[in-house]
């Protein structure tokens, strides 16, 4: 089991959940540099692909998001016979939900 959270290093708006994640030993992946369109999303997708290719024993990927930009990686994981559980609020992208194995409301 590995849990990660992703954020821009100096992003003040996410500081409260960064602090909360530390309590549960959730690994931080902090990106530096200036803002860039979908910077964090691109890093997450890149890391998912890396994990998928380097650790074949992982059967389940849980992704906490409501963002439809993750539909393509969810679909790719499913094609590789991985279970994809999306943890998200009710107003989650229908496109993302359709690509998941399971959706759990949070």
PDB file of N, CA and C in Angstrom:
ATOM      1  N   UNK A   1       0.851  -1.173   0.000  1.00  0.00           N
ATOM      2  CA  UNK A   1       0.000   0.000   0.000  1.00  0.00           C
ATOM      3  C   UNK A   1       0.889   1.225   0.000  1.00  0.00           C
ATOM      4  N   UNK A   2       0.626   2.108  -0.932  1.00  0.00           N
ATOM      5  CA  UNK A   2       1.331   3.379  -0.950  1.00  0.00           C
ATOM      6  C   UNK A   2       0.323   4.483  -1.195  1.00  0.00           C
ATOM      7  N   UNK A   3       0.374   5.497  -0.352  1.00  0.00           N
ATOM      8  CA  UNK A   3      -0.516   6.647  -0.519  1.00  0.00           C
ATOM      9  C   UNK A   3       0.340   7.871  -0.774  1.00  0.00           C
ATOM     10  N   UNK A   4      -0.119   8.681  -1.715  1.00  0.00           N
ATOM     11  CA  UNK A   4       0.596   9.907  -2.055  1.00  0.00           C
ATOM     12  C   UNK A   4      -0.391  11.052  -2.172  1.00  0.00           C
ATOM     13  N   UNK A   5       0.084  12.243  -1.929  1.00  0.00           N
ATOM     14  CA  UNK A   5      -0.682  13.421  -2.306  1.00  0.00           C
ATOM     15  C   UNK A   5       0.231  14.314  -3.139  1.00  0.00           C
ATOM     16  N   UNK A   6      -0.373  15.012  -4.053  1.00  0.00           N
ATOM     17  CA  UNK A   6       0.358  15.859  -4.987  1.00  0.00           C
ATOM     18  C   UNK A   6      -0.112  17.301  -4.834  1.00  0.00           C
ATOM     19  N   UNK A   7       0.842  18.224  -4.872  1.00  0.00           N
ATOM     20  CA  UNK A   7       0.513  19.648  -4.789  1.00  0.00           C
ATOM     21  C   UNK A   7       1.714  20.452  -5.249  1.00  0.00           C
ATOM     22  N   UNK A   8       1.449  21.703  -5.579  1.00  0.00           N
ATOM     23  CA  UNK A   8       2.558  22.615  -5.834  1.00  0.00           C
ATOM     24  C   UNK A   8       3.154  22.999  -4.490  1.00  0.00           C
ATOM     25  N   UNK A   9       4.459  23.042  -4.414  1.00  0.00           N
ATOM     26  CA  UNK A   9       5.176  23.235  -3.153  1.00  0.00           C
ATOM     27  C   UNK A   9       4.745  24.478  -2.379  1.00  0.00           C
ATOM     28  N   UNK A  10       4.576  25.572  -3.046  1.00  0.00           N
ATOM     29  CA  UNK A  10       4.267  26.826  -2.353  1.00  0.00           C
ATOM     30  C   UNK A  10       2.796  27.217  -2.450  1.00  0.00           C
ATOM     31  N   UNK A  11       1.938  26.260  -2.704  1.00  0.00           N
ATOM     32  CA  UNK A  11       0.499  26.532  -2.846  1.00  0.00           C
ATOM     33  C   UNK A  11      -0.124  26.672  -1.457  1.00  0.00           C
ATOM     34  N   UNK A  12      -0.485  27.881  -1.088  1.00  0.00           N
ATOM     35  CA  UNK A  12      -1.031  28.116   0.256  1.00  0.00           C
ATOM     36  C   UNK A  12      -2.457  27.604   0.406  1.00  0.00           C
ATOM     37  N   UNK A  13      -3.204  27.521  -0.687  1.00  0.00           N
ATOM     38  CA  UNK A  13      -4.607  27.098  -0.595  1.00  0.00           C
ATOM     39  C   UNK A  13      -4.765  25.630  -0.210  1.00  0.00           C
ATOM     40  N   UNK A  14      -3.718  24.845  -0.342  1.00  0.00           N
ATOM     41  CA  UNK A  14      -3.809  23.421  -0.006  1.00  0.00           C
ATOM     42  C   UNK A  14      -3.056  23.072   1.279  1.00  0.00           C
ATOM     43  N   UNK A  15      -2.581  24.082   1.991  1.00  0.00           N
ATOM     44  CA  UNK A  15      -1.778  23.838   3.180  1.00  0.00           C
ATOM     45  C   UNK A  15      -2.515  23.026   4.246  1.00  0.00           C
ATOM     46  N   UNK A  16      -3.800  23.259   4.435  1.00  0.00           N
ATOM     47  CA  UNK A  16      -4.519  22.548   5.497  1.00  0.00           C
ATOM     48  C   UNK A  16      -4.571  21.048   5.237  1.00  0.00           C
ATOM     49  N   UNK A  17      -4.787  20.634   3.980  1.00  0.00           N
ATOM     50  CA  UNK A  17      -4.813  19.188   3.753  1.00  0.00           C
ATOM     51  C   UNK A  17      -3.419  18.609   3.656  1.00  0.00           C
ATOM     52  N   UNK A  18      -2.400  19.421   3.359  1.00  0.00           N
ATOM     53  CA  UNK A  18      -1.009  18.939   3.432  1.00  0.00           C
ATOM     54  C   UNK A  18      -0.688  18.579   4.881  1.00  0.00           C
ATOM     55  N   UNK A  19      -1.096  19.447   5.798  1.00  0.00           N
ATOM     56  CA  UNK A  19      -0.862  19.197   7.220  1.00  0.00           C
ATOM     57  C   UNK A  19      -1.606  17.942   7.679  1.00  0.00           C
ATOM     58  N   UNK A  20      -2.819  17.777   7.217  1.00  0.00           N
ATOM     59  CA  UNK A  20      -3.617  16.592   7.587  1.00  0.00           C
ATOM     60  C   UNK A  20      -2.972  15.314   7.048  1.00  0.00           C
ATOM     61  N   UNK A  21      -2.468  15.351   5.826  1.00  0.00           N
ATOM     62  CA  UNK A  21      -1.841  14.173   5.223  1.00  0.00           C
ATOM     63  C   UNK A  21      -0.617  13.723   6.010  1.00  0.00           C
ATOM     64  N   UNK A  22       0.124  14.666   6.565  1.00  0.00           N
ATOM     65  CA  UNK A  22       1.308  14.337   7.367  1.00  0.00           C
ATOM     66  C   UNK A  22       0.944  13.459   8.559  1.00  0.00           C
ATOM     67  N   UNK A  23      -0.226  13.707   9.149  1.00  0.00           N
ATOM     68  CA  UNK A  23      -0.671  12.919  10.309  1.00  0.00           C
ATOM     69  C   UNK A  23      -0.797  11.442   9.975  1.00  0.00           C
ATOM     70  N   UNK A  24      -1.100  11.132   8.713  1.00  0.00           N
ATOM     71  CA  UNK A  24      -1.339   9.755   8.288  1.00  0.00           C
ATOM     72  C   UNK A  24      -0.181   9.185   7.466  1.00  0.00           C
ATOM     73  N   UNK A  25       0.957   9.854   7.524  1.00  0.00           N
ATOM     74  CA  UNK A  25       2.145   9.414   6.791  1.00  0.00           C
ATOM     75  C   UNK A  25       1.902   9.220   5.298  1.00  0.00           C
ATOM     76  N   UNK A  26       1.106  10.102   4.727  1.00  0.00           N
ATOM     77  CA  UNK A  26       0.868  10.068   3.291  1.00  0.00           C
ATOM     78  C   UNK A  26       2.028  10.801   2.623  1.00  0.00           C
ATOM     79  N   UNK A  27       2.657  10.136   1.679  1.00  0.00           N
ATOM     80  CA  UNK A  27       3.857  10.644   1.026  1.00  0.00           C
ATOM     81  C   UNK A  27       3.550  11.892   0.187  1.00  0.00           C
ATOM     82  N   UNK A  28       4.293  12.987   0.458  1.00  0.00           N
ATOM     83  CA  UNK A  28       4.075  14.196  -0.343  1.00  0.00           C
ATOM     84  C   UNK A  28       4.871  14.166  -1.646  1.00  0.00           C
ATOM     85  N   UNK A  29       4.239  14.550  -2.717  1.00  0.00           N
ATOM     86  CA  UNK A  29       4.905  14.785  -3.994  1.00  0.00           C
ATOM     87  C   UNK A  29       4.649  16.266  -4.282  1.00  0.00           C
ATOM     88  N   UNK A  30       5.640  17.085  -4.000  1.00  0.00           N
ATOM     89  CA  UNK A  30       5.484  18.528  -4.111  1.00  0.00           C
ATOM     90  C   UNK A  30       6.232  19.032  -5.339  1.00  0.00           C
ATOM     91  N   UNK A  31       5.512  19.710  -6.201  1.00  0.00           N
ATOM     92  CA  UNK A  31       6.092  20.219  -7.433  1.00  0.00           C
ATOM     93  C   UNK A  31       6.515  21.663  -7.243  1.00  0.00           C
ATOM     94  N   UNK A  32       7.683  21.995  -7.756  1.00  0.00           N
ATOM     95  CA  UNK A  32       8.156  23.360  -7.645  1.00  0.00           C
ATOM     96  C   UNK A  32       8.031  24.067  -8.990  1.00  0.00           C
ATOM     97  N   UNK A  33       8.366  25.312  -9.002  1.00  0.00           N
ATOM     98  CA  UNK A  33       8.263  26.098 -10.221  1.00  0.00           C
ATOM     99  C   UNK A  33       6.936  26.814 -10.294  1.00  0.00           C
ATOM    100  N   UNK A  34       6.788  27.558 -11.360  1.00  0.00           N
ATOM    101  CA  UNK A  34       5.596  28.361 -11.534  1.00  0.00           C
ATOM    102  C   UNK A  34       4.390  27.553 -11.951  1.00  0.00           C
ATOM    103  N   UNK A  35       3.238  28.211 -11.954  1.00  0.00           N
ATOM    104  CA  UNK A  35       2.015  27.523 -12.364  1.00  0.00           C
ATOM    105  C   UNK A  35       2.086  27.134 -13.842  1.00  0.00           C
ATOM    106  N   UNK A  36       1.491  26.017 -14.137  1.00  0.00           N
ATOM    107  CA  UNK A  36       1.439  25.490 -15.494  1.00  0.00           C
ATOM    108  C   UNK A  36       0.125  24.732 -15.624  1.00  0.00           C
ATOM    109  N   UNK A  37      -0.521  24.834 -16.760  1.00  0.00           N
ATOM    110  CA  UNK A  37      -1.810  24.172 -16.967  1.00  0.00           C
ATOM    111  C   UNK A  37      -1.680  22.666 -16.732  1.00  0.00           C
ATOM    112  N   UNK A  38      -2.487  22.123 -15.815  1.00  0.00           N
ATOM    113  CA  UNK A  38      -2.531  20.694 -15.491  1.00  0.00           C
ATOM    114  C   UNK A  38      -1.189  20.121 -15.038  1.00  0.00           C
ATOM    115  N   UNK A  39      -0.354  20.921 -14.434  1.00  0.00           N
ATOM    116  CA  UNK A  39       0.978  20.480 -14.002  1.00  0.00           C
ATOM    117  C   UNK A  39       0.900  19.290 -13.043  1.00  0.00           C
ATOM    118  N   UNK A  40       0.060  19.406 -12.037  1.00  0.00           N
ATOM    119  CA  UNK A  40      -0.057  18.328 -11.052  1.00  0.00           C
ATOM    120  C   UNK A  40      -0.701  17.103 -11.705  1.00  0.00           C
ATOM    121  N   UNK A  41      -1.735  17.304 -12.503  1.00  0.00           N
ATOM    122  CA  UNK A  41      -2.394  16.182 -13.183  1.00  0.00           C
ATOM    123  C   UNK A  41      -1.407  15.404 -14.047  1.00  0.00           C
ATOM    124  N   UNK A  42      -0.586  16.107 -14.790  1.00  0.00           N
ATOM    125  CA  UNK A  42       0.398  15.450 -15.665  1.00  0.00           C
ATOM    126  C   UNK A  42       1.382  14.619 -14.858  1.00  0.00           C
ATOM    127  N   UNK A  43       1.814  15.134 -13.711  1.00  0.00           N
ATOM    128  CA  UNK A  43       2.747  14.410 -12.851  1.00  0.00           C
ATOM    129  C   UNK A  43       2.094  13.153 -12.274  1.00  0.00           C
ATOM    130  N   UNK A  44       0.852  13.282 -11.851  1.00  0.00           N
ATOM    131  CA  UNK A  44       0.144  12.119 -11.307  1.00  0.00           C
ATOM    132  C   UNK A  44       0.020  11.034 -12.367  1.00  0.00           C
ATOM    133  N   UNK A  45      -0.405  11.400 -13.556  1.00  0.00           N
ATOM    134  CA  UNK A  45      -0.572  10.416 -14.639  1.00  0.00           C
ATOM    135  C   UNK A  45       0.764   9.775 -14.997  1.00  0.00           C
ATOM    136  N   UNK A  46       1.820  10.569 -15.054  1.00  0.00           N
ATOM    137  CA  UNK A  46       3.159  10.034 -15.329  1.00  0.00           C
ATOM    138  C   UNK A  46       3.561   9.013 -14.265  1.00  0.00           C
ATOM    139  N   UNK A  47       3.310   9.337 -12.996  1.00  0.00           N
ATOM    140  CA  UNK A  47       3.663   8.431 -11.908  1.00  0.00           C
ATOM    141  C   UNK A  47       2.813   7.157 -11.922  1.00  0.00           C
ATOM    142  N   UNK A  48       1.544   7.273 -12.248  1.00  0.00           N
ATOM    143  CA  UNK A  48       0.695   6.080 -12.350  1.00  0.00           C
ATOM    144  C   UNK A  48       1.251   5.143 -13.416  1.00  0.00           C
ATOM    145  N   UNK A  49       1.624   5.696 -14.562  1.00  0.00           N
ATOM    146  CA  UNK A  49       2.187   4.872 -15.643  1.00  0.00           C
ATOM    147  C   UNK A  49       3.494   4.217 -15.215  1.00  0.00           C
ATOM    148  N   UNK A  50       4.310   4.955 -14.474  1.00  0.00           N
ATOM    149  CA  UNK A  50       5.573   4.394 -13.988  1.00  0.00           C
ATOM    150  C   UNK A  50       5.322   3.229 -13.034  1.00  0.00           C
ATOM    151  N   UNK A  51       4.397   3.411 -12.105  1.00  0.00           N
ATOM    152  CA  UNK A  51       4.058   2.346 -11.167  1.00  0.00           C
ATOM    153  C   UNK A  51       3.485   1.143 -11.916  1.00  0.00           C
ATOM    154  N   UNK A  52       2.625   1.406 -12.875  1.00  0.00           N
ATOM    155  CA  UNK A  52       2.014   0.341 -13.667  1.00  0.00           C
ATOM    156  C   UNK A  52       3.072  -0.499 -14.379  1.00  0.00           C
ATOM    157  N   UNK A  53       4.099   0.148 -14.895  1.00  0.00           N
ATOM    158  CA  UNK A  53       5.130  -0.564 -15.655  1.00  0.00           C
ATOM    159  C   UNK A  53       6.216  -1.185 -14.796  1.00  0.00           C
ATOM    160  N   UNK A  54       6.406  -0.700 -13.566  1.00  0.00           N
ATOM    161  CA  UNK A  54       7.482  -1.223 -12.726  1.00  0.00           C
ATOM    162  C   UNK A  54       7.012  -2.198 -11.653  1.00  0.00           C
ATOM    163  N   UNK A  55       5.733  -2.189 -11.339  1.00  0.00           N
ATOM    164  CA  UNK A  55       5.236  -3.072 -10.288  1.00  0.00           C
ATOM    165  C   UNK A  55       3.978  -3.786 -10.778  1.00  0.00           C
ATOM    166  N   UNK A  56       4.176  -4.888 -11.460  1.00  0.00           N
ATOM    167  CA  UNK A  56       3.073  -5.630 -12.076  1.00  0.00           C
ATOM    168  C   UNK A  56       2.137  -6.270 -11.051  1.00  0.00           C
ATOM    169  N   UNK A  57       2.576  -6.370  -9.785  1.00  0.00           N
ATOM    170  CA  UNK A  57       1.755  -7.049  -8.783  1.00  0.00           C
ATOM    171  C   UNK A  57       0.622  -6.183  -8.238  1.00  0.00           C
ATOM    172  N   UNK A  58       0.632  -4.900  -8.530  1.00  0.00           N
ATOM    173  CA  UNK A  58      -0.444  -4.029  -8.049  1.00  0.00           C
ATOM    174  C   UNK A  58      -1.698  -4.310  -8.865  1.00  0.00           C
ATOM    175  N   UNK A  59      -2.777  -4.641  -8.159  1.00  0.00           N
ATOM    176  CA  UNK A  59      -4.044  -4.989  -8.808  1.00  0.00           C
ATOM    177  C   UNK A  59      -5.072  -3.864  -8.760  1.00  0.00           C
ATOM    178  N   UNK A  60      -4.959  -2.999  -7.749  1.00  0.00           N
ATOM    179  CA  UNK A  60      -5.983  -1.978  -7.535  1.00  0.00           C
ATOM    180  C   UNK A  60      -5.330  -0.603  -7.461  1.00  0.00           C
ATOM    181  N   UNK A  61      -5.898   0.329  -8.193  1.00  0.00           N
ATOM    182  CA  UNK A  61      -5.487   1.728  -8.136  1.00  0.00           C
ATOM    183  C   UNK A  61      -6.684   2.527  -7.621  1.00  0.00           C
ATOM    184  N   UNK A  62      -6.493   3.257  -6.524  1.00  0.00           N
ATOM    185  CA  UNK A  62      -7.531   4.141  -5.995  1.00  0.00           C
ATOM    186  C   UNK A  62      -7.100   5.570  -6.273  1.00  0.00           C
ATOM    187  N   UNK A  63      -7.971   6.306  -6.911  1.00  0.00           N
ATOM    188  CA  UNK A  63      -7.662   7.692  -7.261  1.00  0.00           C
ATOM    189  C   UNK A  63      -8.771   8.571  -6.697  1.00  0.00           C
ATOM    190  N   UNK A  64      -8.370   9.539  -5.889  1.00  0.00           N
ATOM    191  CA  UNK A  64      -9.341  10.463  -5.311  1.00  0.00           C
ATOM    192  C   UNK A  64      -9.389  11.712  -6.187  1.00  0.00           C
ATOM    193  N   UNK A  65     -10.415  11.795  -7.004  1.00  0.00           N
ATOM    194  CA  UNK A  65     -10.584  12.932  -7.902  1.00  0.00           C
ATOM    195  C   UNK A  65     -11.999  12.952  -8.451  1.00  0.00           C
ATOM    196  N   UNK A  66     -12.385  14.102  -8.970  1.00  0.00           N
ATOM    197  CA  UNK A  66     -13.644  14.186  -9.710  1.00  0.00           C
ATOM    198  C   UNK A  66     -13.381  14.683 -11.122  1.00  0.00           C
ATOM    199  N   UNK A  67     -12.114  14.836 -11.439  1.00  0.00           N
ATOM    200  CA  UNK A  67     -11.641  15.428 -12.685  1.00  0.00           C
ATOM    201  C   UNK A  67     -11.678  14.432 -13.849  1.00  0.00           C
ATOM    202  N   UNK A  68     -12.400  14.781 -14.876  1.00  0.00           N
ATOM    203  CA  UNK A  68     -12.513  13.944 -16.064  1.00  0.00           C
ATOM    204  C   UNK A  68     -11.214  13.747 -16.820  1.00  0.00           C
ATOM    205  N   UNK A  69     -10.192  14.569 -16.507  1.00  0.00           N
ATOM    206  CA  UNK A  69      -8.894  14.404 -17.163  1.00  0.00           C
ATOM    207  C   UNK A  69      -8.235  13.064 -16.827  1.00  0.00           C
ATOM    208  N   UNK A  70      -8.723  12.396 -15.797  1.00  0.00           N
ATOM    209  CA  UNK A  70      -8.153  11.105 -15.414  1.00  0.00           C
ATOM    210  C   UNK A  70      -8.853   9.924 -16.085  1.00  0.00           C
ATOM    211  N   UNK A  71      -9.834  10.177 -16.912  1.00  0.00           N
ATOM    212  CA  UNK A  71     -10.563   9.104 -17.583  1.00  0.00           C
ATOM    213  C   UNK A  71      -9.641   8.265 -18.463  1.00  0.00           C
ATOM    214  N   UNK A  72      -8.731   8.904 -19.171  1.00  0.00           N
ATOM    215  CA  UNK A  72      -7.854   8.148 -20.077  1.00  0.00           C
ATOM    216  C   UNK A  72      -6.922   7.208 -19.319  1.00  0.00           C
ATOM    217  N   UNK A  73      -6.380   7.633 -18.178  1.00  0.00           N
ATOM    218  CA  UNK A  73      -5.508   6.745 -17.410  1.00  0.00           C
ATOM    219  C   UNK A  73      -6.326   5.643 -16.748  1.00  0.00           C
ATOM    220  N   UNK A  74      -7.541   5.952 -16.311  1.00  0.00           N
ATOM    221  CA  UNK A  74      -8.411   4.915 -15.742  1.00  0.00           C
ATOM    222  C   UNK A  74      -8.703   3.850 -16.802  1.00  0.00           C
ATOM    223  N   UNK A  75      -8.989   4.298 -18.006  1.00  0.00           N
ATOM    224  CA  UNK A  75      -9.257   3.367 -19.106  1.00  0.00           C
ATOM    225  C   UNK A  75      -8.018   2.516 -19.411  1.00  0.00           C
ATOM    226  N   UNK A  76      -6.847   3.144 -19.435  1.00  0.00           N
ATOM    227  CA  UNK A  76      -5.598   2.417 -19.684  1.00  0.00           C
ATOM    228  C   UNK A  76      -5.343   1.360 -18.611  1.00  0.00           C
ATOM    229  N   UNK A  77      -5.601   1.705 -17.360  1.00  0.00           N
ATOM    230  CA  UNK A  77      -5.436   0.743 -16.268  1.00  0.00           C
ATOM    231  C   UNK A  77      -6.392  -0.438 -16.427  1.00  0.00           C
ATOM    232  N   UNK A  78      -7.626  -0.148 -16.799  1.00  0.00           N
ATOM    233  CA  UNK A  78      -8.623  -1.215 -16.984  1.00  0.00           C
ATOM    234  C   UNK A  78      -8.226  -2.146 -18.130  1.00  0.00           C
ATOM    235  N   UNK A  79      -7.698  -1.586 -19.207  1.00  0.00           N
ATOM    236  CA  UNK A  79      -7.238  -2.405 -20.342  1.00  0.00           C
ATOM    237  C   UNK A  79      -6.144  -3.373 -19.880  1.00  0.00           C
ATOM    238  N   UNK A  80      -5.369  -2.947 -18.901  1.00  0.00           N
ATOM    239  CA  UNK A  80      -4.296  -3.792 -18.354  1.00  0.00           C
ATOM    240  C   UNK A  80      -4.798  -4.645 -17.192  1.00  0.00           C
ATOM    241  N   UNK A  81      -6.117  -4.784 -17.101  1.00  0.00           N
ATOM    242  CA  UNK A  81      -6.778  -5.665 -16.122  1.00  0.00           C
ATOM    243  C   UNK A  81      -6.555  -5.250 -14.673  1.00  0.00           C
ATOM    244  N   UNK A  82      -6.476  -3.943 -14.443  1.00  0.00           N
ATOM    245  CA  UNK A  82      -6.364  -3.408 -13.090  1.00  0.00           C
ATOM    246  C   UNK A  82      -7.733  -2.900 -12.650  1.00  0.00           C
ATOM    247  N   UNK A  83      -7.984  -3.015 -11.377  1.00  0.00           N
ATOM    248  CA  UNK A  83      -9.223  -2.474 -10.817  1.00  0.00           C
ATOM    249  C   UNK A  83      -8.990  -1.012 -10.483  1.00  0.00           C
ATOM    250  N   UNK A  84      -9.887  -0.161 -10.915  1.00  0.00           N
ATOM    251  CA  UNK A  84      -9.749   1.278 -10.712  1.00  0.00           C
ATOM    252  C   UNK A  84     -10.916   1.757  -9.857  1.00  0.00           C
ATOM    253  N   UNK A  85     -10.597   2.204  -8.651  1.00  0.00           N
ATOM    254  CA  UNK A  85     -11.606   2.716  -7.735  1.00  0.00           C
ATOM    255  C   UNK A  85     -11.437   4.230  -7.662  1.00  0.00           C
ATOM    256  N   UNK A  86     -12.481   4.927  -8.015  1.00  0.00           N
ATOM    257  CA  UNK A  86     -12.472   6.384  -7.953  1.00  0.00           C
ATOM    258  C   UNK A  86     -13.193   6.810  -6.685  1.00  0.00           C
ATOM    259  N   UNK A  87     -12.508   7.596  -5.861  1.00  0.00           N
ATOM    260  CA  UNK A  87     -13.072   8.155  -4.639  1.00  0.00           C
ATOM    261  C   UNK A  87     -13.370   9.613  -4.931  1.00  0.00           C
ATOM    262  N   UNK A  88     -14.656   9.965  -4.955  1.00  0.00           N
ATOM    263  CA  UNK A  88     -15.000  11.312  -5.395  1.00  0.00           C
ATOM    264  C   UNK A  88     -16.385  11.726  -4.920  1.00  0.00           C
ATOM    265  N   UNK A  89     -16.638  13.038  -4.920  1.00  0.00           N
ATOM    266  CA  UNK A  89     -17.977  13.515  -4.590  1.00  0.00           C
ATOM    267  C   UNK A  89     -18.964  13.207  -5.710  1.00  0.00           C
ATOM    268  N   UNK A  90     -20.222  13.402  -5.437  1.00  0.00           N
ATOM    269  CA  UNK A  90     -21.277  13.073  -6.401  1.00  0.00           C
ATOM    270  C   UNK A  90     -21.133  13.807  -7.733  1.00  0.00           C
ATOM    271  N   UNK A  91     -20.626  15.034  -7.717  1.00  0.00           N
ATOM    272  CA  UNK A  91     -20.527  15.805  -8.951  1.00  0.00           C
ATOM    273  C   UNK A  91     -19.258  15.473  -9.754  1.00  0.00           C
ATOM    274  N   UNK A  92     -18.912  14.204  -9.806  1.00  0.00           N
ATOM    275  CA  UNK A  92     -17.744  13.718 -10.538  1.00  0.00           C
ATOM    276  C   UNK A  92     -18.064  13.578 -12.017  1.00  0.00           C
ATOM    277  N   UNK A  93     -17.050  13.770 -12.831  1.00  0.00           N
ATOM    278  CA  UNK A  93     -17.177  13.642 -14.279  1.00  0.00           C
ATOM    279  C   UNK A  93     -17.803  12.302 -14.668  1.00  0.00           C
ATOM    280  N   UNK A  94     -18.839  12.347 -15.492  1.00  0.00           N
ATOM    281  CA  UNK A  94     -19.475  11.115 -15.984  1.00  0.00           C
ATOM    282  C   UNK A  94     -18.499  10.300 -16.821  1.00  0.00           C
ATOM    283  N   UNK A  95     -17.640  10.986 -17.549  1.00  0.00           N
ATOM    284  CA  UNK A  95     -16.616  10.330 -18.369  1.00  0.00           C
ATOM    285  C   UNK A  95     -15.675   9.502 -17.485  1.00  0.00           C
ATOM    286  N   UNK A  96     -15.268  10.077 -16.364  1.00  0.00           N
ATOM    287  CA  UNK A  96     -14.392   9.369 -15.429  1.00  0.00           C
ATOM    288  C   UNK A  96     -15.112   8.182 -14.811  1.00  0.00           C
ATOM    289  N   UNK A  97     -16.335   8.402 -14.365  1.00  0.00           N
ATOM    290  CA  UNK A  97     -17.105   7.311 -13.756  1.00  0.00           C
ATOM    291  C   UNK A  97     -17.250   6.127 -14.707  1.00  0.00           C
ATOM    292  N   UNK A  98     -17.470   6.414 -15.986  1.00  0.00           N
ATOM    293  CA  UNK A  98     -17.664   5.356 -16.977  1.00  0.00           C
ATOM    294  C   UNK A  98     -16.406   4.514 -17.171  1.00  0.00           C
ATOM    295  N   UNK A  99     -15.241   5.066 -16.902  1.00  0.00           N
ATOM    296  CA  UNK A  99     -13.978   4.347 -17.096  1.00  0.00           C
ATOM    297  C   UNK A  99     -13.524   3.582 -15.855  1.00  0.00           C
ATOM    298  N   UNK A 100     -14.153   3.832 -14.735  1.00  0.00           N
ATOM    299  CA  UNK A 100     -13.742   3.208 -13.472  1.00  0.00           C
ATOM    300  C   UNK A 100     -14.370   1.824 -13.308  1.00  0.00           C
ATOM    301  N   UNK A 101     -13.729   1.005 -12.488  1.00  0.00           N
ATOM    302  CA  UNK A 101     -14.301  -0.277 -12.097  1.00  0.00           C
ATOM    303  C   UNK A 101     -15.372  -0.052 -11.051  1.00  0.00           C
ATOM    304  N   UNK A 102     -15.112   0.959 -10.217  1.00  0.00           N
ATOM    305  CA  UNK A 102     -15.996   1.260  -9.094  1.00  0.00           C
ATOM    306  C   UNK A 102     -15.847   2.728  -8.723  1.00  0.00           C
ATOM    307  N   UNK A 103     -16.943   3.338  -8.303  1.00  0.00           N
ATOM    308  CA  UNK A 103     -16.901   4.715  -7.831  1.00  0.00           C
ATOM    309  C   UNK A 103     -17.478   4.748  -6.421  1.00  0.00           C
ATOM    310  N   UNK A 104     -16.744   5.339  -5.512  1.00  0.00           N
ATOM    311  CA  UNK A 104     -17.217   5.486  -4.129  1.00  0.00           C
ATOM    312  C   UNK A 104     -17.350   6.953  -3.803  1.00  0.00           C
ATOM    313  N   UNK A 105     -18.502   7.322  -3.302  1.00  0.00           N
ATOM    314  CA  UNK A 105     -18.750   8.707  -2.931  1.00  0.00           C
ATOM    315  C   UNK A 105     -18.001   9.062  -1.661  1.00  0.00           C
ATOM    316  N   UNK A 106     -17.431  10.242  -1.654  1.00  0.00           N
ATOM    317  CA  UNK A 106     -16.773  10.757  -0.438  1.00  0.00           C
ATOM    318  C   UNK A 106     -17.327  12.132  -0.139  1.00  0.00           C
TER     319      UNK A 106
END
